[in-house]
Amino acid sequence: RHSMERKGTLLPAFNPDGPYDRTQRTRVWKIEEKQTDVNIALA
C-alpha cells in the first residue's frame, strides 16, 4: 500500500549554496510504498 500524510509533510528545504537548516522547511506531498520489502522477505 501507499502511505501519505493528508496535510502534507514538512521537510527541510534544499539549499545547494548554504548549510543544512532544519528550521527552513517546506510542506510537500510525501508518498511512500509500504510493506513490499517485508512481503518479499516473507515470501
All heavy atoms as atom14 arrays in JSON, in Angstrom:
{
  "sequence": "RHSMERKGTLLPAFNPDGPYDRTQRTRVWKIEEKQTDVNIALA",
  "atom14_mask": [
    [1, 1, 1, 1, 1, 1, 1, 1, 1, 1, 1, 0, 0, 0],
    [1, 1, 1, 1, 1, 1, 1, 1, 1, 1, 0, 0, 0, 0],
    [1, 1, 1, 1, 1, 1, 0, 0, 0, 0, 0, 0, 0, 0],
    [1, 1, 1, 1, 1, 1, 1, 1, 0, 0, 0, 0, 0, 0],
    [1, 1, 1, 1, 1, 1, 1, 1, 1, 0, 0, 0, 0, 0],
    [1, 1, 1, 1, 1, 1, 1, 1, 1, 1, 1, 0, 0, 0],
    [1, 1, 1, 1, 1, 1, 1, 1, 1, 0, 0, 0, 0, 0],
    [1, 1, 1, 1, 0, 0, 0, 0, 0, 0, 0, 0, 0, 0],
    [1, 1, 1, 1, 1, 1, 1, 0, 0, 0, 0, 0, 0, 0],
    [1, 1, 1, 1, 1, 1, 1, 1, 0, 0, 0, 0, 0, 0],
    [1, 1, 1, 1, 1, 1, 1, 1, 0, 0, 0, 0, 0, 0],
    [1, 1, 1, 1, 1, 1, 1, 0, 0, 0, 0, 0, 0, 0],
    [1, 1, 1, 1, 1, 0, 0, 0, 0, 0, 0, 0, 0, 0],
    [1, 1, 1, 1, 1, 1, 1, 1, 1, 1, 1, 0, 0, 0],
    [1, 1, 1, 1, 1, 1, 1, 1, 0, 0, 0, 0, 0, 0],
    [1, 1, 1, 1, 1, 1, 1, 0, 0, 0, 0, 0, 0, 0],
    [1, 1, 1, 1, 1, 1, 1, 1, 0, 0, 0, 0, 0, 0],
    [1, 1, 1, 1, 0, 0, 0, 0, 0, 0, 0, 0, 0, 0],
    [1, 1, 1, 1, 1, 1, 1, 0, 0, 0, 0, 0, 0, 0],
    [1, 1, 1, 1, 1, 1, 1, 1, 1, 1, 1, 1, 0, 0],
    [1, 1, 1, 1, 1, 1, 1, 1, 0, 0, 0, 0, 0, 0],
    [1, 1, 1, 1, 1, 1, 1, 1, 1, 1, 1, 0, 0, 0],
    [1, 1, 1, 1, 1, 1, 1, 0, 0, 0, 0, 0, 0, 0],
    [1, 1, 1, 1, 1, 1, 1, 1, 1, 0, 0, 0, 0, 0],
    [1, 1, 1, 1, 1, 1, 1, 1, 1, 1, 1, 0, 0, 0],
    [1, 1, 1, 1, 1, 1, 1, 0, 0, 0, 0, 0, 0, 0],
    [1, 1, 1, 1, 1, 1, 1, 1, 1, 1, 1, 0, 0, 0],
    [1, 1, 1, 1, 1, 1, 1, 0, 0, 0, 0, 0, 0, 0],
    [1, 1, 1, 1, 1, 1, 1, 1, 1, 1, 1, 1, 1, 1],
    [1, 1, 1, 1, 1, 1, 1, 1, 1, 0, 0, 0, 0, 0],
    [1, 1, 1, 1, 1, 1, 1, 1, 0, 0, 0, 0, 0, 0],
    [1, 1, 1, 1, 1, 1, 1, 1, 1, 0, 0, 0, 0, 0],
    [1, 1, 1, 1, 1, 1, 1, 1, 1, 0, 0, 0, 0, 0],
    [1, 1, 1, 1, 1, 1, 1, 1, 1, 0, 0, 0, 0, 0],
    [1, 1, 1, 1, 1, 1, 1, 1, 1, 0, 0, 0, 0, 0],
    [1, 1, 1, 1, 1, 1, 1, 0, 0, 0, 0, 0, 0, 0],
    [1, 1, 1, 1, 1, 1, 1, 1, 0, 0, 0, 0, 0, 0],
    [1, 1, 1, 1, 1, 1, 1, 0, 0, 0, 0, 0, 0, 0],
    [1, 1, 1, 1, 1, 1, 1, 1, 0, 0, 0, 0, 0, 0],
    [1, 1, 1, 1, 1, 1, 1, 1, 0, 0, 0, 0, 0, 0],
    [1, 1, 1, 1, 1, 0, 0, 0, 0, 0, 0, 0, 0, 0],
    [1, 1, 1, 1, 1, 1, 1, 1, 0, 0, 0, 0, 0, 0],
    [1, 1, 1, 1, 1, 0, 0, 0, 0, 0, 0, 0, 0, 0]
  ],
  "atom14_positions": [
    [[0.84, -1.19, 0.0], [0.0, 0.0, 0.0], [0.88, 1.25, 0.0], [2.09, 1.16, 0.18], [-0.91, 0.02, 1.23], [-0.14, 0.06, 2.55], [-1.07, 0.05, 3.75], [-0.33, 0.05, 5.0], [0.18, 1.14, 5.58], [0.01, 2.33, 5.01], [0.85, 1.07, 6.71], [0.0, 0.0, 0.0], [0.0, 0.0, 0.0], [0.0, 0.0, 0.0]],
    [[0.26, 2.39, -0.21], [0.96, 3.66, -0.11], [0.51, 4.38, 1.16], [-0.66, 4.31, 1.55], [0.63, 4.56, -1.32], [1.29, 4.11, -2.57], [0.62, 3.47, -3.58], [2.58, 4.22, -2.99], [1.45, 3.2, -4.56], [2.65, 3.65, -4.24], [0.0, 0.0, 0.0], [0.0, 0.0, 0.0], [0.0, 0.0, 0.0], [0.0, 0.0, 0.0]],
    [[1.45, 5.04, 1.8], [1.11, 5.89, 2.93], [1.33, 7.34, 2.54], [2.21, 7.65, 1.74], [1.96, 5.54, 4.16], [3.3, 5.95, 3.97], [0.0, 0.0, 0.0], [0.0, 0.0, 0.0], [0.0, 0.0, 0.0], [0.0, 0.0, 0.0], [0.0, 0.0, 0.0], [0.0, 0.0, 0.0], [0.0, 0.0, 0.0], [0.0, 0.0, 0.0]],
    [[0.5, 8.22, 3.11], [0.58, 9.63, 2.75], [-0.03, 10.46, 3.88], [-1.06, 10.09, 4.44], [-0.19, 9.88, 1.46], [-0.24, 11.34, 1.02], [-1.44, 11.56, -0.31], [-2.98, 11.18, 0.53], [0.0, 0.0, 0.0], [0.0, 0.0, 0.0], [0.0, 0.0, 0.0], [0.0, 0.0, 0.0], [0.0, 0.0, 0.0], [0.0, 0.0, 0.0]],
    [[0.65, 11.52, 4.23], [0.09, 12.46, 5.19], [-0.88, 13.37, 4.44], [-0.49, 14.08, 3.51], [1.21, 13.3, 5.82], [2.15, 12.52, 6.73], [1.48, 12.09, 8.02], [0.44, 12.71, 8.38], [1.96, 11.14, 8.65], [0.0, 0.0, 0.0], [0.0, 0.0, 0.0], [0.0, 0.0, 0.0], [0.0, 0.0, 0.0], [0.0, 0.0, 0.0]],
    [[-2.13, 13.35, 4.82], [-3.16, 14.09, 4.08], [-2.93, 15.59, 4.12], [-3.38, 16.32, 3.24], [-4.54, 13.74, 4.63], [-4.93, 12.29, 4.42], [-6.37, 12.02, 4.81], [-6.71, 10.63, 4.56], [-7.13, 10.15, 3.4], [-7.26, 10.99, 2.37], [-7.43, 8.89, 3.25], [0.0, 0.0, 0.0], [0.0, 0.0, 0.0], [0.0, 0.0, 0.0]],
    [[-2.25, 16.08, 5.15], [-1.98, 17.51, 5.24], [-0.57, 17.86, 4.77], [-0.1, 18.98, 4.97], [-2.17, 17.98, 6.68], [-3.62, 17.87, 7.17], [-3.76, 18.42, 8.58], [-5.21, 18.32, 9.05], [-5.37, 18.85, 10.44], [0.0, 0.0, 0.0], [0.0, 0.0, 0.0], [0.0, 0.0, 0.0], [0.0, 0.0, 0.0], [0.0, 0.0, 0.0]],
    [[0.11, 16.89, 4.14], [1.48, 17.13, 3.69], [2.48, 16.89, 4.8], [2.13, 16.71, 5.97], [0.0, 0.0, 0.0], [0.0, 0.0, 0.0], [0.0, 0.0, 0.0], [0.0, 0.0, 0.0], [0.0, 0.0, 0.0], [0.0, 0.0, 0.0], [0.0, 0.0, 0.0], [0.0, 0.0, 0.0], [0.0, 0.0, 0.0], [0.0, 0.0, 0.0]],
    [[3.75, 16.87, 4.42], [4.84, 16.61, 5.36], [5.85, 17.75, 5.28], [6.25, 18.16, 4.19], [5.55, 15.29, 5.02], [4.6, 14.23, 5.04], [6.66, 14.99, 6.02], [0.0, 0.0, 0.0], [0.0, 0.0, 0.0], [0.0, 0.0, 0.0], [0.0, 0.0, 0.0], [0.0, 0.0, 0.0], [0.0, 0.0, 0.0], [0.0, 0.0, 0.0]],
    [[6.26, 18.27, 6.45], [7.26, 19.32, 6.47], [8.65, 18.72, 6.37], [9.04, 17.88, 7.18], [7.14, 20.14, 7.77], [6.02, 21.19, 7.81], [5.93, 21.79, 9.21], [6.28, 22.29, 6.78], [0.0, 0.0, 0.0], [0.0, 0.0, 0.0], [0.0, 0.0, 0.0], [0.0, 0.0, 0.0], [0.0, 0.0, 0.0], [0.0, 0.0, 0.0]],
    [[9.39, 19.17, 5.37], [10.76, 18.69, 5.17], [11.69, 19.89, 5.01], [11.28, 20.95, 4.51], [10.85, 17.81, 3.93], [10.14, 16.46, 3.99], [10.25, 15.77, 2.64], [10.73, 15.58, 5.08], [0.0, 0.0, 0.0], [0.0, 0.0, 0.0], [0.0, 0.0, 0.0], [0.0, 0.0, 0.0], [0.0, 0.0, 0.0], [0.0, 0.0, 0.0]],
    [[12.96, 19.75, 5.42], [13.92, 20.85, 5.25], [14.07, 21.22, 3.77], [14.16, 20.36, 2.91], [15.22, 20.27, 5.81], [14.79, 19.2, 6.75], [13.56, 18.61, 6.14], [0.0, 0.0, 0.0], [0.0, 0.0, 0.0], [0.0, 0.0, 0.0], [0.0, 0.0, 0.0], [0.0, 0.0, 0.0], [0.0, 0.0, 0.0], [0.0, 0.0, 0.0]],
    [[14.08, 22.51, 3.5], [14.24, 22.99, 2.13], [15.67, 22.76, 1.65], [16.63, 22.87, 2.42], [13.89, 24.47, 2.05], [0.0, 0.0, 0.0], [0.0, 0.0, 0.0], [0.0, 0.0, 0.0], [0.0, 0.0, 0.0], [0.0, 0.0, 0.0], [0.0, 0.0, 0.0], [0.0, 0.0, 0.0], [0.0, 0.0, 0.0], [0.0, 0.0, 0.0]],
    [[15.81, 22.45, 0.38], [17.13, 22.21, -0.2], [17.78, 23.53, -0.57], [17.19, 24.35, -1.28], [17.01, 21.32, -1.43], [18.31, 21.1, -2.15], [19.33, 20.36, -1.56], [18.52, 21.64, -3.41], [20.53, 20.16, -2.21], [19.72, 21.44, -4.07], [20.72, 20.7, -3.47], [0.0, 0.0, 0.0], [0.0, 0.0, 0.0], [0.0, 0.0, 0.0]],
    [[19.0, 23.73, -0.11], [19.76, 24.93, -0.43], [21.16, 24.52, -0.84], [22.01, 24.25, 0.01], [19.81, 25.87, 0.78], [20.6, 27.14, 0.47], [21.0, 27.38, -0.66], [20.84, 27.95, 1.5], [0.0, 0.0, 0.0], [0.0, 0.0, 0.0], [0.0, 0.0, 0.0], [0.0, 0.0, 0.0], [0.0, 0.0, 0.0], [0.0, 0.0, 0.0]],
    [[21.44, 24.46, -2.15], [22.75, 23.96, -2.6], [23.9, 24.88, -2.24], [25.06, 24.46, -2.25], [22.57, 23.85, -4.11], [21.52, 24.86, -4.44], [20.58, 24.85, -3.27], [0.0, 0.0, 0.0], [0.0, 0.0, 0.0], [0.0, 0.0, 0.0], [0.0, 0.0, 0.0], [0.0, 0.0, 0.0], [0.0, 0.0, 0.0], [0.0, 0.0, 0.0]],
    [[23.61, 26.14, -1.9], [24.68, 27.11, -1.64], [24.88, 27.42, -0.16], [25.7, 28.27, 0.19], [24.38, 28.42, -2.39], [24.26, 28.21, -3.89], [25.09, 27.46, -4.43], [23.34, 28.77, -4.5], [0.0, 0.0, 0.0], [0.0, 0.0, 0.0], [0.0, 0.0, 0.0], [0.0, 0.0, 0.0], [0.0, 0.0, 0.0], [0.0, 0.0, 0.0]],
    [[24.13, 26.75, 0.68], [24.24, 27.04, 2.11], [24.2, 25.77, 2.95], [23.98, 24.67, 2.43], [0.0, 0.0, 0.0], [0.0, 0.0, 0.0], [0.0, 0.0, 0.0], [0.0, 0.0, 0.0], [0.0, 0.0, 0.0], [0.0, 0.0, 0.0], [0.0, 0.0, 0.0], [0.0, 0.0, 0.0], [0.0, 0.0, 0.0], [0.0, 0.0, 0.0]],
    [[24.39, 25.9, 4.26], [24.37, 24.74, 5.14], [22.95, 24.21, 5.35], [21.96, 24.91, 5.1], [24.94, 25.29, 6.45], [24.55, 26.73, 6.43], [24.65, 27.15, 4.99], [0.0, 0.0, 0.0], [0.0, 0.0, 0.0], [0.0, 0.0, 0.0], [0.0, 0.0, 0.0], [0.0, 0.0, 0.0], [0.0, 0.0, 0.0], [0.0, 0.0, 0.0]],
    [[22.88, 23.0, 5.8], [21.59, 22.38, 6.13], [20.95, 23.16, 7.27], [21.58, 23.43, 8.29], [21.83, 20.92, 6.54], [20.64, 20.22, 7.11], [19.69, 19.64, 6.27], [20.46, 20.1, 8.49], [18.6, 18.97, 6.78], [19.37, 19.44, 9.01], [18.44, 18.87, 8.15], [17.35, 18.21, 8.68], [0.0, 0.0, 0.0], [0.0, 0.0, 0.0]],
    [[19.7, 23.53, 7.11], [18.99, 24.3, 8.13], [17.62, 23.68, 8.33], [16.72, 23.86, 7.51], [18.87, 25.76, 7.69], [18.23, 26.64, 8.77], [17.78, 26.09, 9.8], [18.19, 27.86, 8.57], [0.0, 0.0, 0.0], [0.0, 0.0, 0.0], [0.0, 0.0, 0.0], [0.0, 0.0, 0.0], [0.0, 0.0, 0.0], [0.0, 0.0, 0.0]],
    [[17.45, 22.96, 9.42], [16.2, 22.27, 9.66], [15.04, 23.22, 9.98], [13.89, 22.81, 9.95], [16.36, 21.26, 10.8], [16.59, 21.86, 12.17], [16.64, 20.76, 13.22], [17.76, 19.87, 12.97], [17.84, 18.62, 13.46], [16.86, 18.15, 14.19], [18.89, 17.89, 13.21], [0.0, 0.0, 0.0], [0.0, 0.0, 0.0], [0.0, 0.0, 0.0]],
    [[15.35, 24.47, 10.27], [14.28, 25.42, 10.57], [13.62, 25.96, 9.3], [12.52, 26.5, 9.34], [14.81, 26.6, 11.4], [15.74, 27.35, 10.61], [15.49, 26.1, 12.67], [0.0, 0.0, 0.0], [0.0, 0.0, 0.0], [0.0, 0.0, 0.0], [0.0, 0.0, 0.0], [0.0, 0.0, 0.0], [0.0, 0.0, 0.0], [0.0, 0.0, 0.0]],
    [[14.33, 25.84, 8.18], [13.78, 26.29, 6.89], [13.08, 25.09, 6.23], [13.71, 24.28, 5.58], [14.9, 26.83, 6.0], [15.62, 28.03, 6.57], [14.68, 29.22, 6.75], [13.87, 29.53, 5.87], [14.78, 29.89, 7.89], [0.0, 0.0, 0.0], [0.0, 0.0, 0.0], [0.0, 0.0, 0.0], [0.0, 0.0, 0.0], [0.0, 0.0, 0.0]],
    [[11.78, 25.02, 6.42], [11.05, 23.85, 5.95], [9.98, 24.22, 4.93], [9.52, 25.35, 4.9], [10.39, 23.12, 7.13], [11.4, 22.6, 8.15], [10.73, 21.68, 9.13], [11.69, 21.1, 10.06], [11.43, 20.05, 10.84], [10.24, 19.49, 10.81], [12.34, 19.58, 11.65], [0.0, 0.0, 0.0], [0.0, 0.0, 0.0], [0.0, 0.0, 0.0]],
    [[9.62, 23.25, 4.13], [8.55, 23.42, 3.17], [7.63, 22.21, 3.24], [8.09, 21.09, 3.52], [9.11, 23.6, 1.75], [8.06, 23.9, 0.86], [9.83, 22.33, 1.28], [0.0, 0.0, 0.0], [0.0, 0.0, 0.0], [0.0, 0.0, 0.0], [0.0, 0.0, 0.0], [0.0, 0.0, 0.0], [0.0, 0.0, 0.0], [0.0, 0.0, 0.0]],
    [[6.35, 22.41, 3.0], [5.39, 21.32, 3.08], [5.25, 20.66, 1.71], [5.04, 21.34, 0.7], [4.03, 21.84, 3.57], [3.05, 20.73, 3.98], [1.8, 21.32, 4.61], [2.1, 22.01, 5.84], [2.2, 21.43, 7.03], [2.04, 20.1, 7.13], [2.45, 22.14, 8.12], [0.0, 0.0, 0.0], [0.0, 0.0, 0.0], [0.0, 0.0, 0.0]],
    [[5.38, 19.33, 1.69], [5.34, 18.58, 0.43], [4.41, 17.38, 0.58], [4.08, 16.95, 1.69], [6.75, 18.09, 0.03], [7.71, 19.25, -0.15], [7.3, 17.09, 1.06], [0.0, 0.0, 0.0], [0.0, 0.0, 0.0], [0.0, 0.0, 0.0], [0.0, 0.0, 0.0], [0.0, 0.0, 0.0], [0.0, 0.0, 0.0], [0.0, 0.0, 0.0]],
    [[4.02, 16.85, -0.58], [3.35, 15.55, -0.6], [4.44, 14.49, -0.51], [5.31, 14.41, -1.38], [2.56, 15.37, -1.89], [1.35, 16.23, -2.02], [1.16, 17.26, -2.9], [0.15, 16.15, -1.26], [-0.06, 17.82, -2.72], [-0.72, 17.16, -1.72], [-0.27, 15.31, -0.21], [-1.99, 17.35, -1.2], [-1.54, 15.52, 0.31], [-2.39, 16.52, -0.17]],
    [[4.39, 13.67, 0.51], [5.36, 12.59, 0.67], [4.61, 11.26, 0.62], [3.85, 10.94, 1.53], [6.1, 12.72, 2.0], [7.2, 11.68, 2.19], [7.89, 11.86, 3.54], [8.97, 10.81, 3.75], [9.61, 10.94, 5.08], [0.0, 0.0, 0.0], [0.0, 0.0, 0.0], [0.0, 0.0, 0.0], [0.0, 0.0, 0.0], [0.0, 0.0, 0.0]],
    [[4.84, 10.53, -0.45], [4.14, 9.26, -0.67], [5.16, 8.13, -0.58], [6.2, 8.17, -1.25], [3.46, 9.24, -2.05], [2.52, 10.45, -2.18], [2.7, 7.95, -2.26], [2.03, 10.68, -3.57], [0.0, 0.0, 0.0], [0.0, 0.0, 0.0], [0.0, 0.0, 0.0], [0.0, 0.0, 0.0], [0.0, 0.0, 0.0], [0.0, 0.0, 0.0]],
    [[4.88, 7.15, 0.23], [5.81, 6.04, 0.43], [5.1, 4.71, 0.19], [3.97, 4.52, 0.64], [6.38, 6.05, 1.85], [7.27, 7.25, 2.15], [7.85, 7.17, 3.56], [7.06, 7.18, 4.53], [9.08, 7.08, 3.68], [0.0, 0.0, 0.0], [0.0, 0.0, 0.0], [0.0, 0.0, 0.0], [0.0, 0.0, 0.0], [0.0, 0.0, 0.0]],
    [[5.78, 3.84, -0.53], [5.27, 2.48, -0.71], [5.6, 1.69, 0.56], [6.74, 1.69, 1.03], [5.91, 1.83, -1.93], [5.35, 0.45, -2.24], [6.13, -0.27, -3.31], [7.21, 0.23, -3.69], [5.68, -1.33, -3.75], [0.0, 0.0, 0.0], [0.0, 0.0, 0.0], [0.0, 0.0, 0.0], [0.0, 0.0, 0.0], [0.0, 0.0, 0.0]],
    [[4.59, 1.0, 1.08], [4.75, 0.26, 2.31], [4.55, -1.23, 2.09], [3.8, -1.65, 1.22], [3.74, 0.75, 3.36], [3.95, 2.19, 3.82], [5.22, 2.33, 4.64], [5.33, 3.71, 5.25], [6.55, 3.87, 6.07], [0.0, 0.0, 0.0], [0.0, 0.0, 0.0], [0.0, 0.0, 0.0], [0.0, 0.0, 0.0], [0.0, 0.0, 0.0]],
    [[5.22, -2.03, 2.89], [5.05, -3.48, 3.03], [5.78, -4.32, 1.99], [5.96, -5.52, 2.19], [3.56, -3.87, 3.03], [2.76, -3.22, 4.14], [1.29, -3.59, 4.12], [0.79, -4.1, 3.11], [0.59, -3.33, 5.2], [0.0, 0.0, 0.0], [0.0, 0.0, 0.0], [0.0, 0.0, 0.0], [0.0, 0.0, 0.0], [0.0, 0.0, 0.0]],
    [[6.22, -3.73, 0.88], [6.81, -4.55, -0.17], [8.05, -5.29, 0.3], [8.2, -6.5, 0.06], [7.15, -3.68, -1.4], [5.92, -3.3, -2.04], [7.99, -4.45, -2.42], [0.0, 0.0, 0.0], [0.0, 0.0, 0.0], [0.0, 0.0, 0.0], [0.0, 0.0, 0.0], [0.0, 0.0, 0.0], [0.0, 0.0, 0.0], [0.0, 0.0, 0.0]],
    [[8.97, -4.61, 0.97], [10.2, -5.27, 1.42], [9.89, -6.43, 2.37], [10.49, -7.51, 2.28], [11.14, -4.27, 2.1], [11.67, -3.22, 1.14], [11.74, -3.51, -0.06], [12.0, -2.12, 1.6], [0.0, 0.0, 0.0], [0.0, 0.0, 0.0], [0.0, 0.0, 0.0], [0.0, 0.0, 0.0], [0.0, 0.0, 0.0], [0.0, 0.0, 0.0]],
    [[8.96, -6.2, 3.29], [8.58, -7.25, 4.24], [7.89, -8.4, 3.5], [8.16, -9.57, 3.78], [7.65, -6.68, 5.34], [7.12, -7.8, 6.22], [8.4, -5.67, 6.18], [0.0, 0.0, 0.0], [0.0, 0.0, 0.0], [0.0, 0.0, 0.0], [0.0, 0.0, 0.0], [0.0, 0.0, 0.0], [0.0, 0.0, 0.0], [0.0, 0.0, 0.0]],
    [[7.01, -8.08, 2.56], [6.33, -9.13, 1.81], [7.31, -9.97, 1.0], [7.16, -11.2, 0.91], [5.29, -8.5, 0.87], [4.06, -8.0, 1.61], [3.73, -8.5, 2.69], [3.37, -7.03, 1.04], [0.0, 0.0, 0.0], [0.0, 0.0, 0.0], [0.0, 0.0, 0.0], [0.0, 0.0, 0.0], [0.0, 0.0, 0.0], [0.0, 0.0, 0.0]],
    [[8.3, -9.34, 0.41], [9.32, -10.09, -0.33], [10.09, -11.01, 0.61], [10.31, -12.19, 0.31], [10.29, -9.13, -1.04], [9.59, -8.41, -2.2], [11.53, -9.88, -1.57], [10.43, -7.35, -2.88], [0.0, 0.0, 0.0], [0.0, 0.0, 0.0], [0.0, 0.0, 0.0], [0.0, 0.0, 0.0], [0.0, 0.0, 0.0], [0.0, 0.0, 0.0]],
    [[10.51, -10.48, 1.74], [11.28, -11.27, 2.7], [10.49, -12.48, 3.18], [11.02, -13.61, 3.26], [11.71, -10.41, 3.88], [0.0, 0.0, 0.0], [0.0, 0.0, 0.0], [0.0, 0.0, 0.0], [0.0, 0.0, 0.0], [0.0, 0.0, 0.0], [0.0, 0.0, 0.0], [0.0, 0.0, 0.0], [0.0, 0.0, 0.0], [0.0, 0.0, 0.0]],
    [[9.22, -12.28, 3.51], [8.39, -13.39, 3.99], [8.22, -14.45, 2.91], [8.33, -15.65, 3.18], [7.03, -12.86, 4.43], [6.98, -12.11, 5.75], [5.59, -11.5, 5.96], [7.31, -13.03, 6.91], [0.0, 0.0, 0.0], [0.0, 0.0, 0.0], [0.0, 0.0, 0.0], [0.0, 0.0, 0.0], [0.0, 0.0, 0.0], [0.0, 0.0, 0.0]],
    [[7.94, -14.01, 1.68], [7.73, -14.96, 0.6], [9.0, -15.77, 0.32], [8.95, -16.99, 0.14], [7.28, -14.23, -0.66], [0.0, 0.0, 0.0], [0.0, 0.0, 0.0], [0.0, 0.0, 0.0], [0.0, 0.0, 0.0], [0.0, 0.0, 0.0], [0.0, 0.0, 0.0], [0.0, 0.0, 0.0], [0.0, 0.0, 0.0], [0.0, 0.0, 0.0]]
  ]
}
